[in-house]
Amino acid sequence: MDDSELQTGPGSGDPASGDPSASDPGFFSSLGSGSMLGQLRLTFLALMPMPVLVAAMSPFIVRIETHHLDAPPVWAEAAVIALALAVLLVVRRLPPPLSPDLAPDRVAAAASSSFRATLFLRFAMTEAVVLAGLPLSMVSDSLVPMTVAFGLGFPLMLALSLPTRGTIERIRERLEHNGLTTDLWATLLGPFPGRAKASPTS
């Protein structure tokens, strides 16, 4: 994940030049905007500490020795690495492109739905790498698998599921692979539906 994707200012591109990401006000600037993108970014920022808490608690949990299973630490570490590689290969191929047969008036809604589902699926799969380290550490009676799992899984989570400008652009390009125009940025930067309904009426 490039540091420029978290910049607080607006995109450096020109919307008139055909760069839709130029409308992004910036990662942190969007958090209080009331837009769908701002709400998504707040949600994923709130989710990110969860694997950190699991990793922090793992030394205390691993002390509970079950002795029902016994695996050498090296095999447990290899299992974590294999899982991380498998998740990376799968997640980078999400989402599938939208069907070229989709009706024009349904493209924007389908793109928005697919984008949000992809973010949560990516989060779940990359978090699984971190969580897998805990039982593997318990069966191997070693904290090394958990350390490896966190060291691989948490960076994958940040790079692949946090809705930075770069991640949004890569997902948009996959959605539009069949030549459709999704107007994804316009949808994301529009008002969050819940906020729109909650607005006071005159």
N, C-alpha and C. Protein backbone atom coordinates (compact mmCIF):
# COMPACT_ATOMS: atom_id res chain seq x y z
N MET A 1 0.85 -1.19 0.00
CA MET A 1 0.00 0.00 0.00
C MET A 1 0.88 1.24 0.00
N ASP A 2 0.72 2.09 -1.01
CA ASP A 2 1.52 3.29 -1.14
C ASP A 2 1.06 4.35 -0.15
N ASP A 3 2.02 5.08 0.45
CA ASP A 3 1.66 6.11 1.43
C ASP A 3 0.75 7.16 0.83
N SER A 4 0.91 7.41 -0.49
CA SER A 4 0.09 8.45 -1.12
C SER A 4 -1.39 8.09 -1.11
N GLU A 5 -1.71 6.79 -0.93
CA GLU A 5 -3.11 6.39 -0.92
C GLU A 5 -3.81 6.85 0.34
N LEU A 6 -3.05 7.19 1.39
CA LEU A 6 -3.63 7.64 2.64
C LEU A 6 -3.53 9.15 2.80
N GLN A 7 -3.20 9.87 1.75
CA GLN A 7 -3.04 11.31 1.87
C GLN A 7 -4.35 11.94 2.30
N THR A 8 -4.24 13.03 3.06
CA THR A 8 -5.44 13.66 3.60
C THR A 8 -6.06 14.64 2.61
N GLY A 9 -5.30 15.08 1.64
CA GLY A 9 -5.81 16.03 0.67
C GLY A 9 -6.49 15.34 -0.50
N PRO A 10 -7.10 16.11 -1.39
CA PRO A 10 -7.79 15.54 -2.53
C PRO A 10 -6.81 14.94 -3.52
N GLY A 11 -7.34 14.15 -4.46
CA GLY A 11 -6.50 13.54 -5.48
C GLY A 11 -5.80 14.59 -6.31
N SER A 12 -4.60 14.22 -6.77
CA SER A 12 -3.81 15.18 -7.52
C SER A 12 -4.21 15.23 -8.99
N GLY A 13 -5.02 14.26 -9.43
CA GLY A 13 -5.44 14.24 -10.82
C GLY A 13 -6.55 15.23 -11.09
N ASP A 14 -6.91 15.30 -12.37
CA ASP A 14 -7.96 16.22 -12.80
C ASP A 14 -9.16 15.40 -13.24
N PRO A 15 -10.33 15.55 -12.60
CA PRO A 15 -11.49 14.77 -13.00
C PRO A 15 -11.82 14.95 -14.48
N ALA A 16 -11.56 16.13 -15.02
CA ALA A 16 -11.85 16.39 -16.42
C ALA A 16 -10.95 15.58 -17.35
N SER A 17 -9.81 15.11 -16.83
CA SER A 17 -8.87 14.36 -17.65
C SER A 17 -9.24 12.89 -17.74
N GLY A 18 -10.32 12.50 -17.07
CA GLY A 18 -10.75 11.12 -17.11
C GLY A 18 -10.28 10.28 -15.94
N ASP A 19 -9.67 10.91 -14.93
CA ASP A 19 -9.21 10.19 -13.75
C ASP A 19 -10.29 10.29 -12.69
N PRO A 20 -11.14 9.24 -12.52
CA PRO A 20 -12.25 9.36 -11.56
C PRO A 20 -11.79 9.44 -10.12
N SER A 21 -10.60 8.89 -9.82
CA SER A 21 -10.13 8.91 -8.43
C SER A 21 -9.74 10.31 -7.98
N ALA A 22 -9.63 11.25 -8.92
CA ALA A 22 -9.26 12.62 -8.56
C ALA A 22 -10.31 13.29 -7.70
N SER A 23 -11.53 12.74 -7.69
CA SER A 23 -12.60 13.31 -6.86
C SER A 23 -12.49 12.90 -5.40
N ASP A 24 -11.61 11.95 -5.10
CA ASP A 24 -11.44 11.49 -3.73
C ASP A 24 -10.87 12.62 -2.88
N PRO A 25 -11.56 13.03 -1.81
CA PRO A 25 -11.05 14.13 -0.99
C PRO A 25 -9.84 13.73 -0.14
N GLY A 26 -9.49 12.45 -0.14
CA GLY A 26 -8.40 11.97 0.71
C GLY A 26 -8.95 11.02 1.76
N PHE A 27 -8.12 10.06 2.19
CA PHE A 27 -8.59 9.02 3.10
C PHE A 27 -9.18 9.61 4.37
N PHE A 28 -8.40 10.38 5.10
CA PHE A 28 -8.85 10.89 6.39
C PHE A 28 -9.86 12.03 6.23
N SER A 29 -9.72 12.81 5.15
CA SER A 29 -10.67 13.90 4.92
C SER A 29 -12.07 13.38 4.63
N SER A 30 -12.15 12.16 4.10
CA SER A 30 -13.47 11.61 3.74
C SER A 30 -14.22 11.04 4.93
N LEU A 31 -13.54 10.85 6.06
CA LEU A 31 -14.17 10.14 7.19
C LEU A 31 -15.39 10.86 7.75
N GLY A 32 -15.38 12.17 7.76
CA GLY A 32 -16.50 12.92 8.30
C GLY A 32 -17.38 13.54 7.23
N SER A 33 -17.25 13.05 5.99
CA SER A 33 -17.99 13.67 4.89
C SER A 33 -19.44 13.22 4.79
N GLY A 34 -19.78 12.10 5.45
CA GLY A 34 -21.14 11.57 5.33
C GLY A 34 -21.37 10.78 4.07
N SER A 35 -20.31 10.55 3.28
CA SER A 35 -20.44 9.79 2.05
C SER A 35 -20.36 8.30 2.33
N MET A 36 -20.76 7.49 1.35
CA MET A 36 -20.65 6.04 1.49
C MET A 36 -19.20 5.63 1.68
N LEU A 37 -18.30 6.28 0.93
CA LEU A 37 -16.88 5.98 1.04
C LEU A 37 -16.36 6.30 2.44
N GLY A 38 -16.78 7.43 2.99
CA GLY A 38 -16.37 7.79 4.34
C GLY A 38 -16.84 6.77 5.37
N GLN A 39 -18.08 6.29 5.22
CA GLN A 39 -18.60 5.30 6.15
C GLN A 39 -17.86 3.97 6.02
N LEU A 40 -17.54 3.57 4.79
CA LEU A 40 -16.79 2.33 4.59
C LEU A 40 -15.40 2.43 5.21
N ARG A 41 -14.76 3.57 5.03
CA ARG A 41 -13.42 3.74 5.58
C ARG A 41 -13.45 3.73 7.11
N LEU A 42 -14.46 4.36 7.69
CA LEU A 42 -14.61 4.32 9.15
C LEU A 42 -14.82 2.89 9.63
N THR A 43 -15.64 2.14 8.91
CA THR A 43 -15.93 0.76 9.30
C THR A 43 -14.67 -0.09 9.30
N PHE A 44 -13.87 0.04 8.24
CA PHE A 44 -12.68 -0.81 8.15
C PHE A 44 -11.58 -0.34 9.09
N LEU A 45 -11.52 0.93 9.38
CA LEU A 45 -10.58 1.39 10.40
C LEU A 45 -10.95 0.80 11.77
N ALA A 46 -12.24 0.69 12.03
CA ALA A 46 -12.69 0.11 13.30
C ALA A 46 -12.41 -1.39 13.37
N LEU A 47 -12.42 -2.06 12.21
CA LEU A 47 -12.17 -3.50 12.19
C LEU A 47 -10.69 -3.85 12.29
N MET A 48 -9.82 -2.97 11.84
CA MET A 48 -8.40 -3.29 11.77
C MET A 48 -7.74 -3.65 13.10
N PRO A 49 -8.16 -3.08 14.25
CA PRO A 49 -7.49 -3.46 15.51
C PRO A 49 -7.80 -4.88 15.99
N MET A 50 -8.82 -5.54 15.43
CA MET A 50 -9.21 -6.85 15.93
C MET A 50 -8.09 -7.87 15.86
N PRO A 51 -7.41 -8.04 14.72
CA PRO A 51 -6.31 -9.02 14.69
C PRO A 51 -5.14 -8.62 15.60
N VAL A 52 -4.98 -7.32 15.84
CA VAL A 52 -3.93 -6.88 16.77
C VAL A 52 -4.25 -7.38 18.18
N LEU A 53 -5.53 -7.29 18.57
CA LEU A 53 -5.93 -7.78 19.89
C LEU A 53 -5.74 -9.29 20.01
N VAL A 54 -6.07 -10.01 18.93
CA VAL A 54 -5.88 -11.47 18.94
C VAL A 54 -4.41 -11.81 19.12
N ALA A 55 -3.55 -11.10 18.38
CA ALA A 55 -2.11 -11.35 18.49
C ALA A 55 -1.60 -11.01 19.89
N ALA A 56 -2.12 -9.93 20.46
CA ALA A 56 -1.67 -9.52 21.80
C ALA A 56 -2.10 -10.52 22.87
N MET A 57 -3.27 -11.15 22.68
CA MET A 57 -3.78 -12.10 23.66
C MET A 57 -3.20 -13.50 23.48
N SER A 58 -2.61 -13.77 22.32
CA SER A 58 -2.18 -15.14 22.02
C SER A 58 -1.19 -15.72 23.01
N PRO A 59 -0.23 -14.95 23.57
CA PRO A 59 0.68 -15.57 24.55
C PRO A 59 -0.05 -16.15 25.76
N PHE A 60 -1.13 -15.49 26.19
CA PHE A 60 -1.87 -15.98 27.35
C PHE A 60 -2.72 -17.19 26.98
N ILE A 61 -3.24 -17.19 25.74
CA ILE A 61 -4.08 -18.30 25.30
C ILE A 61 -3.25 -19.56 25.07
N VAL A 62 -2.06 -19.38 24.49
CA VAL A 62 -1.20 -20.53 24.17
C VAL A 62 -0.74 -21.24 25.43
N ARG A 63 -0.73 -20.53 26.55
CA ARG A 63 -0.32 -21.17 27.81
C ARG A 63 -1.27 -22.28 28.24
N ILE A 64 -2.50 -22.25 27.71
CA ILE A 64 -3.46 -23.30 28.03
C ILE A 64 -3.12 -24.49 27.13
N GLU A 65 -2.40 -25.44 27.65
CA GLU A 65 -1.94 -26.57 26.87
C GLU A 65 -2.99 -27.68 26.89
N THR A 66 -3.45 -28.05 25.70
CA THR A 66 -4.46 -29.10 25.61
C THR A 66 -3.83 -30.49 25.51
N HIS A 67 -2.70 -30.59 24.84
CA HIS A 67 -1.99 -31.85 24.63
C HIS A 67 -2.82 -32.87 23.84
N HIS A 68 -3.92 -32.41 23.22
CA HIS A 68 -4.70 -33.32 22.38
C HIS A 68 -4.04 -33.47 21.00
N LEU A 69 -3.35 -32.42 20.57
CA LEU A 69 -2.68 -32.44 19.28
C LEU A 69 -1.24 -31.99 19.49
N ASP A 70 -0.40 -32.44 18.60
CA ASP A 70 1.00 -32.06 18.72
C ASP A 70 1.59 -31.94 17.32
N ALA A 71 1.99 -30.74 16.94
CA ALA A 71 2.57 -30.51 15.61
C ALA A 71 3.88 -29.76 15.77
N PRO A 72 4.92 -30.15 15.01
CA PRO A 72 6.19 -29.42 15.08
C PRO A 72 5.98 -27.97 14.64
N PRO A 73 6.60 -27.01 15.31
CA PRO A 73 6.43 -25.60 14.93
C PRO A 73 6.72 -25.33 13.46
N VAL A 74 7.72 -26.04 12.89
CA VAL A 74 8.09 -25.76 11.49
C VAL A 74 6.93 -26.09 10.55
N TRP A 75 6.17 -27.16 10.85
CA TRP A 75 5.02 -27.49 10.02
C TRP A 75 3.89 -26.48 10.22
N ALA A 76 3.72 -26.02 11.43
CA ALA A 76 2.70 -25.01 11.70
C ALA A 76 3.03 -23.71 10.97
N GLU A 77 4.30 -23.33 10.97
CA GLU A 77 4.72 -22.11 10.25
C GLU A 77 4.51 -22.27 8.75
N ALA A 78 4.83 -23.46 8.23
CA ALA A 78 4.65 -23.72 6.80
C ALA A 78 3.17 -23.64 6.42
N ALA A 79 2.30 -24.11 7.32
CA ALA A 79 0.86 -24.05 7.06
C ALA A 79 0.39 -22.59 6.98
N VAL A 80 0.92 -21.74 7.85
CA VAL A 80 0.55 -20.32 7.84
C VAL A 80 1.00 -19.67 6.53
N ILE A 81 2.22 -19.95 6.12
CA ILE A 81 2.76 -19.36 4.88
C ILE A 81 1.95 -19.82 3.67
N ALA A 82 1.61 -21.13 3.65
CA ALA A 82 0.81 -21.65 2.54
C ALA A 82 -0.57 -20.99 2.49
N LEU A 83 -1.18 -20.79 3.66
CA LEU A 83 -2.48 -20.14 3.72
C LEU A 83 -2.40 -18.70 3.24
N ALA A 84 -1.36 -17.99 3.67
CA ALA A 84 -1.19 -16.59 3.25
C ALA A 84 -1.02 -16.49 1.73
N LEU A 85 -0.24 -17.38 1.14
CA LEU A 85 -0.04 -17.37 -0.31
C LEU A 85 -1.35 -17.68 -1.04
N ALA A 86 -2.10 -18.67 -0.52
CA ALA A 86 -3.37 -19.02 -1.15
C ALA A 86 -4.35 -17.86 -1.10
N VAL A 87 -4.44 -17.19 0.07
CA VAL A 87 -5.33 -16.04 0.21
C VAL A 87 -4.92 -14.92 -0.73
N LEU A 88 -3.62 -14.67 -0.83
CA LEU A 88 -3.14 -13.61 -1.72
C LEU A 88 -3.53 -13.89 -3.17
N LEU A 89 -3.38 -15.13 -3.61
CA LEU A 89 -3.71 -15.48 -4.99
C LEU A 89 -5.21 -15.33 -5.25
N VAL A 90 -6.03 -15.74 -4.28
CA VAL A 90 -7.48 -15.67 -4.48
C VAL A 90 -7.99 -14.24 -4.39
N VAL A 91 -7.54 -13.52 -3.36
CA VAL A 91 -8.08 -12.18 -3.09
C VAL A 91 -7.74 -11.20 -4.20
N ARG A 92 -6.57 -11.34 -4.79
CA ARG A 92 -6.19 -10.42 -5.87
C ARG A 92 -7.05 -10.60 -7.11
N ARG A 93 -7.80 -11.69 -7.16
CA ARG A 93 -8.67 -11.93 -8.31
C ARG A 93 -10.12 -11.55 -8.02
N LEU A 94 -10.34 -10.91 -6.90
CA LEU A 94 -11.69 -10.46 -6.54
C LEU A 94 -11.80 -8.96 -6.75
N PRO A 95 -12.93 -8.49 -7.25
CA PRO A 95 -14.14 -9.22 -7.64
C PRO A 95 -14.06 -9.66 -9.09
N PRO A 96 -14.95 -10.56 -9.52
CA PRO A 96 -15.01 -10.88 -10.95
C PRO A 96 -15.57 -9.68 -11.71
N PRO A 97 -15.22 -9.55 -12.98
CA PRO A 97 -15.77 -8.43 -13.78
C PRO A 97 -17.29 -8.52 -13.88
N LEU A 98 -17.92 -7.36 -13.98
CA LEU A 98 -19.36 -7.34 -14.19
C LEU A 98 -19.69 -7.88 -15.58
N SER A 99 -20.85 -8.48 -15.67
CA SER A 99 -21.28 -9.05 -16.96
C SER A 99 -21.54 -7.93 -17.97
N PRO A 100 -21.04 -8.09 -19.20
CA PRO A 100 -21.31 -7.06 -20.23
C PRO A 100 -22.77 -6.99 -20.62
N ASP A 101 -23.54 -8.00 -20.26
CA ASP A 101 -24.97 -8.03 -20.60
C ASP A 101 -25.83 -7.31 -19.57
N LEU A 102 -25.20 -6.74 -18.54
CA LEU A 102 -25.95 -6.05 -17.49
C LEU A 102 -26.63 -4.81 -18.06
N ALA A 103 -27.89 -4.61 -17.67
CA ALA A 103 -28.63 -3.44 -18.14
C ALA A 103 -27.95 -2.16 -17.66
N PRO A 104 -27.86 -1.13 -18.52
CA PRO A 104 -27.15 0.11 -18.14
C PRO A 104 -27.64 0.73 -16.84
N ASP A 105 -28.94 0.65 -16.57
CA ASP A 105 -29.47 1.28 -15.37
C ASP A 105 -29.19 0.46 -14.11
N ARG A 106 -28.59 -0.72 -14.26
CA ARG A 106 -28.27 -1.55 -13.11
C ARG A 106 -26.77 -1.62 -12.84
N VAL A 107 -25.97 -1.03 -13.72
CA VAL A 107 -24.51 -1.16 -13.61
C VAL A 107 -23.99 -0.52 -12.32
N ALA A 108 -24.42 0.72 -12.05
CA ALA A 108 -23.91 1.44 -10.88
C ALA A 108 -24.24 0.71 -9.58
N ALA A 109 -25.49 0.25 -9.45
CA ALA A 109 -25.90 -0.45 -8.23
C ALA A 109 -25.16 -1.77 -8.09
N ALA A 110 -24.99 -2.49 -9.20
CA ALA A 110 -24.29 -3.78 -9.16
C ALA A 110 -22.82 -3.57 -8.79
N ALA A 111 -22.21 -2.51 -9.32
CA ALA A 111 -20.80 -2.23 -9.02
C ALA A 111 -20.62 -1.88 -7.55
N SER A 112 -21.54 -1.05 -7.02
CA SER A 112 -21.46 -0.66 -5.61
C SER A 112 -21.61 -1.87 -4.70
N SER A 113 -22.58 -2.73 -5.00
CA SER A 113 -22.82 -3.93 -4.20
C SER A 113 -21.62 -4.87 -4.26
N SER A 114 -21.08 -5.07 -5.46
CA SER A 114 -19.94 -5.96 -5.63
C SER A 114 -18.71 -5.40 -4.94
N PHE A 115 -18.53 -4.10 -5.00
CA PHE A 115 -17.38 -3.46 -4.34
C PHE A 115 -17.43 -3.68 -2.84
N ARG A 116 -18.57 -3.43 -2.22
CA ARG A 116 -18.68 -3.58 -0.77
C ARG A 116 -18.52 -5.04 -0.35
N ALA A 117 -19.14 -5.95 -1.11
CA ALA A 117 -19.01 -7.37 -0.80
C ALA A 117 -17.55 -7.81 -0.91
N THR A 118 -16.86 -7.29 -1.90
CA THR A 118 -15.45 -7.65 -2.11
C THR A 118 -14.60 -7.19 -0.94
N LEU A 119 -14.82 -5.97 -0.46
CA LEU A 119 -14.04 -5.48 0.67
C LEU A 119 -14.21 -6.36 1.90
N PHE A 120 -15.45 -6.72 2.22
CA PHE A 120 -15.69 -7.54 3.40
C PHE A 120 -15.17 -8.97 3.22
N LEU A 121 -15.26 -9.50 2.00
CA LEU A 121 -14.72 -10.83 1.74
C LEU A 121 -13.20 -10.82 1.84
N ARG A 122 -12.58 -9.78 1.29
CA ARG A 122 -11.13 -9.66 1.40
C ARG A 122 -10.70 -9.54 2.85
N PHE A 123 -11.45 -8.76 3.63
CA PHE A 123 -11.12 -8.61 5.05
C PHE A 123 -11.20 -9.95 5.75
N ALA A 124 -12.29 -10.70 5.52
CA ALA A 124 -12.48 -11.98 6.19
C ALA A 124 -11.37 -12.96 5.83
N MET A 125 -10.98 -12.99 4.56
CA MET A 125 -9.97 -13.96 4.12
C MET A 125 -8.58 -13.61 4.65
N THR A 126 -8.25 -12.33 4.65
CA THR A 126 -6.93 -11.95 5.16
C THR A 126 -6.88 -12.05 6.68
N GLU A 127 -8.00 -11.78 7.35
CA GLU A 127 -8.04 -11.95 8.80
C GLU A 127 -7.89 -13.42 9.18
N ALA A 128 -8.38 -14.31 8.31
CA ALA A 128 -8.27 -15.74 8.58
C ALA A 128 -6.81 -16.17 8.69
N VAL A 129 -5.93 -15.50 7.95
CA VAL A 129 -4.51 -15.83 8.04
C VAL A 129 -4.01 -15.55 9.46
N VAL A 130 -4.41 -14.40 10.01
CA VAL A 130 -3.99 -14.05 11.38
C VAL A 130 -4.59 -15.03 12.38
N LEU A 131 -5.90 -15.28 12.26
CA LEU A 131 -6.59 -16.13 13.23
C LEU A 131 -6.08 -17.57 13.19
N ALA A 132 -5.65 -18.03 12.01
CA ALA A 132 -5.15 -19.40 11.90
C ALA A 132 -3.90 -19.61 12.73
N GLY A 133 -3.16 -18.54 12.98
CA GLY A 133 -1.94 -18.67 13.76
C GLY A 133 -2.18 -19.09 15.19
N LEU A 134 -3.36 -18.75 15.74
CA LEU A 134 -3.63 -19.06 17.16
C LEU A 134 -3.76 -20.56 17.41
N PRO A 135 -4.64 -21.28 16.71
CA PRO A 135 -4.69 -22.74 16.96
C PRO A 135 -3.40 -23.44 16.57
N LEU A 136 -2.72 -22.94 15.53
CA LEU A 136 -1.46 -23.57 15.15
C LEU A 136 -0.39 -23.35 16.22
N SER A 137 -0.43 -22.21 16.88
CA SER A 137 0.50 -21.98 17.99
C SER A 137 0.17 -22.89 19.16
N MET A 138 -1.11 -23.13 19.38
CA MET A 138 -1.52 -23.98 20.49
C MET A 138 -1.10 -25.43 20.27
N VAL A 139 -1.31 -25.93 19.03
CA VAL A 139 -0.98 -27.34 18.79
C VAL A 139 0.53 -27.56 18.70
N SER A 140 1.28 -26.51 18.39
CA SER A 140 2.73 -26.65 18.30
C SER A 140 3.43 -26.19 19.57
N ASP A 141 2.64 -25.64 20.50
CA ASP A 141 3.18 -25.16 21.78
C ASP A 141 4.31 -24.15 21.55
N SER A 142 4.04 -23.24 20.59
CA SER A 142 5.05 -22.24 20.24
C SER A 142 4.33 -20.99 19.75
N LEU A 143 4.88 -19.82 20.07
CA LEU A 143 4.30 -18.56 19.61
C LEU A 143 4.76 -18.18 18.21
N VAL A 144 5.70 -18.93 17.66
CA VAL A 144 6.25 -18.57 16.34
C VAL A 144 5.17 -18.59 15.25
N PRO A 145 4.31 -19.63 15.17
CA PRO A 145 3.27 -19.61 14.13
C PRO A 145 2.37 -18.38 14.22
N MET A 146 2.00 -17.97 15.44
CA MET A 146 1.16 -16.78 15.59
C MET A 146 1.91 -15.54 15.14
N THR A 147 3.19 -15.47 15.45
CA THR A 147 4.00 -14.32 15.03
C THR A 147 4.08 -14.25 13.52
N VAL A 148 4.31 -15.39 12.89
CA VAL A 148 4.38 -15.44 11.42
C VAL A 148 3.02 -15.09 10.82
N ALA A 149 1.94 -15.62 11.41
CA ALA A 149 0.60 -15.35 10.90
C ALA A 149 0.26 -13.87 10.95
N PHE A 150 0.61 -13.22 12.06
CA PHE A 150 0.33 -11.79 12.17
C PHE A 150 1.23 -11.00 11.22
N GLY A 151 2.49 -11.41 11.12
CA GLY A 151 3.42 -10.69 10.24
C GLY A 151 3.04 -10.76 8.78
N LEU A 152 2.36 -11.84 8.38
CA LEU A 152 1.92 -11.97 6.99
C LEU A 152 0.48 -11.47 6.81
N GLY A 153 -0.39 -11.85 7.74
CA GLY A 153 -1.81 -11.55 7.56
C GLY A 153 -2.18 -10.09 7.71
N PHE A 154 -1.59 -9.40 8.70
CA PHE A 154 -1.99 -8.01 8.93
C PHE A 154 -1.59 -7.09 7.78
N PRO A 155 -0.36 -7.20 7.24
CA PRO A 155 -0.05 -6.38 6.05
C PRO A 155 -0.95 -6.70 4.86
N LEU A 156 -1.31 -7.99 4.68
CA LEU A 156 -2.24 -8.33 3.60
C LEU A 156 -3.59 -7.65 3.82
N MET A 157 -4.03 -7.62 5.06
CA MET A 157 -5.31 -6.99 5.39
C MET A 157 -5.28 -5.50 5.05
N LEU A 158 -4.20 -4.83 5.44
CA LEU A 158 -4.09 -3.39 5.15
C LEU A 158 -4.02 -3.13 3.65
N ALA A 159 -3.27 -3.96 2.94
CA ALA A 159 -3.05 -3.71 1.51
C ALA A 159 -4.24 -4.08 0.65
N LEU A 160 -5.02 -5.08 1.06
CA LEU A 160 -6.05 -5.62 0.18
C LEU A 160 -7.48 -5.29 0.58
N SER A 161 -7.71 -4.95 1.84
CA SER A 161 -9.11 -4.71 2.25
C SER A 161 -9.39 -3.29 2.72
N LEU A 162 -8.37 -2.53 3.11
CA LEU A 162 -8.61 -1.14 3.51
C LEU A 162 -8.94 -0.33 2.26
N PRO A 163 -10.08 0.37 2.24
CA PRO A 163 -10.50 1.06 1.00
C PRO A 163 -9.74 2.35 0.72
N THR A 164 -8.46 2.20 0.43
CA THR A 164 -7.65 3.34 0.02
C THR A 164 -7.94 3.65 -1.45
N ARG A 165 -7.42 4.76 -1.92
CA ARG A 165 -7.64 5.14 -3.32
C ARG A 165 -7.12 4.07 -4.27
N GLY A 166 -5.94 3.54 -3.99
CA GLY A 166 -5.36 2.52 -4.87
C GLY A 166 -6.18 1.25 -4.90
N THR A 167 -6.66 0.80 -3.73
CA THR A 167 -7.48 -0.40 -3.67
C THR A 167 -8.79 -0.21 -4.43
N ILE A 168 -9.41 0.96 -4.26
CA ILE A 168 -10.67 1.24 -4.97
C ILE A 168 -10.44 1.23 -6.47
N GLU A 169 -9.35 1.83 -6.92
CA GLU A 169 -9.06 1.87 -8.35
C GLU A 169 -8.82 0.47 -8.92
N ARG A 170 -8.10 -0.36 -8.18
CA ARG A 170 -7.84 -1.72 -8.67
C ARG A 170 -9.13 -2.54 -8.76
N ILE A 171 -10.01 -2.36 -7.77
CA ILE A 171 -11.29 -3.07 -7.81
C ILE A 171 -12.16 -2.53 -8.95
N ARG A 172 -12.17 -1.20 -9.12
CA ARG A 172 -12.96 -0.61 -10.21
C ARG A 172 -12.49 -1.13 -11.56
N GLU A 173 -11.18 -1.22 -11.75
CA GLU A 173 -10.66 -1.72 -13.03
C GLU A 173 -11.07 -3.16 -13.28
N ARG A 174 -11.12 -3.97 -12.22
CA ARG A 174 -11.57 -5.35 -12.40
C ARG A 174 -13.06 -5.39 -12.76
N LEU A 175 -13.85 -4.57 -12.08
CA LEU A 175 -15.29 -4.54 -12.37
C LEU A 175 -15.55 -4.09 -13.81
N GLU A 176 -14.75 -3.18 -14.32
CA GLU A 176 -14.95 -2.61 -15.65
C GLU A 176 -14.17 -3.35 -16.74
N HIS A 177 -13.66 -4.53 -16.41
CA HIS A 177 -12.80 -5.26 -17.34
C HIS A 177 -13.51 -5.55 -18.67
N ASN A 178 -14.82 -5.74 -18.63
CA ASN A 178 -15.57 -6.07 -19.85
C ASN A 178 -16.06 -4.84 -20.60
N GLY A 179 -15.55 -3.67 -20.24
CA GLY A 179 -15.87 -2.46 -20.99
C GLY A 179 -16.99 -1.62 -20.43
N LEU A 180 -17.55 -2.00 -19.29
CA LEU A 180 -18.62 -1.22 -18.68
C LEU A 180 -18.05 -0.01 -17.96
N THR A 181 -18.86 1.03 -17.83
CA THR A 181 -18.51 2.19 -17.03
C THR A 181 -19.38 2.16 -15.77
N THR A 182 -18.74 1.99 -14.62
CA THR A 182 -19.50 1.76 -13.39
C THR A 182 -19.85 3.04 -12.63
N ASP A 183 -19.13 4.13 -12.90
CA ASP A 183 -19.31 5.35 -12.11
C ASP A 183 -19.18 5.06 -10.62
N LEU A 184 -18.24 4.16 -10.27
CA LEU A 184 -18.09 3.73 -8.89
C LEU A 184 -17.73 4.87 -7.96
N TRP A 185 -16.85 5.75 -8.41
CA TRP A 185 -16.44 6.87 -7.55
C TRP A 185 -17.61 7.80 -7.25
N ALA A 186 -18.44 8.03 -8.25
CA ALA A 186 -19.60 8.91 -8.04
C ALA A 186 -20.54 8.31 -7.00
N THR A 187 -20.71 6.99 -7.05
CA THR A 187 -21.57 6.32 -6.08
C THR A 187 -20.97 6.39 -4.68
N LEU A 188 -19.67 6.12 -4.58
CA LEU A 188 -19.00 6.10 -3.28
C LEU A 188 -18.96 7.48 -2.64
N LEU A 189 -18.81 8.50 -3.45
CA LEU A 189 -18.72 9.85 -2.92
C LEU A 189 -20.08 10.50 -2.72
N GLY A 190 -21.14 9.78 -3.10
CA GLY A 190 -22.49 10.27 -2.85
C GLY A 190 -22.85 10.08 -1.39
N PRO A 191 -23.98 10.64 -0.97
CA PRO A 191 -24.37 10.54 0.45
C PRO A 191 -24.66 9.11 0.85
N PHE A 192 -24.27 8.77 2.08
CA PHE A 192 -24.57 7.45 2.63
C PHE A 192 -26.09 7.36 2.78
N PRO A 193 -26.72 6.26 2.29
CA PRO A 193 -28.18 6.17 2.32
C PRO A 193 -28.81 6.43 3.68
N GLY A 194 -28.22 5.90 4.72
CA GLY A 194 -28.76 6.10 6.08
C GLY A 194 -28.75 7.56 6.48
N ARG A 195 -27.66 8.25 6.08
CA ARG A 195 -27.56 9.68 6.42
C ARG A 195 -28.61 10.47 5.64
N ALA A 196 -28.82 10.08 4.38
CA ALA A 196 -29.77 10.82 3.55
C ALA A 196 -31.19 10.73 4.12
N LYS A 197 -31.55 9.52 4.61
CA LYS A 197 -32.91 9.34 5.15
C LYS A 197 -33.07 10.04 6.49
N ALA A 198 -31.93 10.19 7.20
CA ALA A 198 -32.01 10.77 8.53
C ALA A 198 -31.99 12.28 8.52
N SER A 199 -31.81 12.86 7.33
CA SER A 199 -31.71 14.31 7.25
C SER A 199 -33.04 14.94 7.63
N PRO A 200 -33.02 16.04 8.40
CA PRO A 200 -34.29 16.66 8.81
C PRO A 200 -34.99 17.26 7.61
N THR A 201 -36.30 17.21 7.64
CA THR A 201 -37.08 17.78 6.54
C THR A 201 -37.49 19.19 6.92
N SER A 202 -37.63 19.99 5.92
CA SER A 202 -38.00 21.37 6.17
C SER A 202 -39.51 21.49 6.37
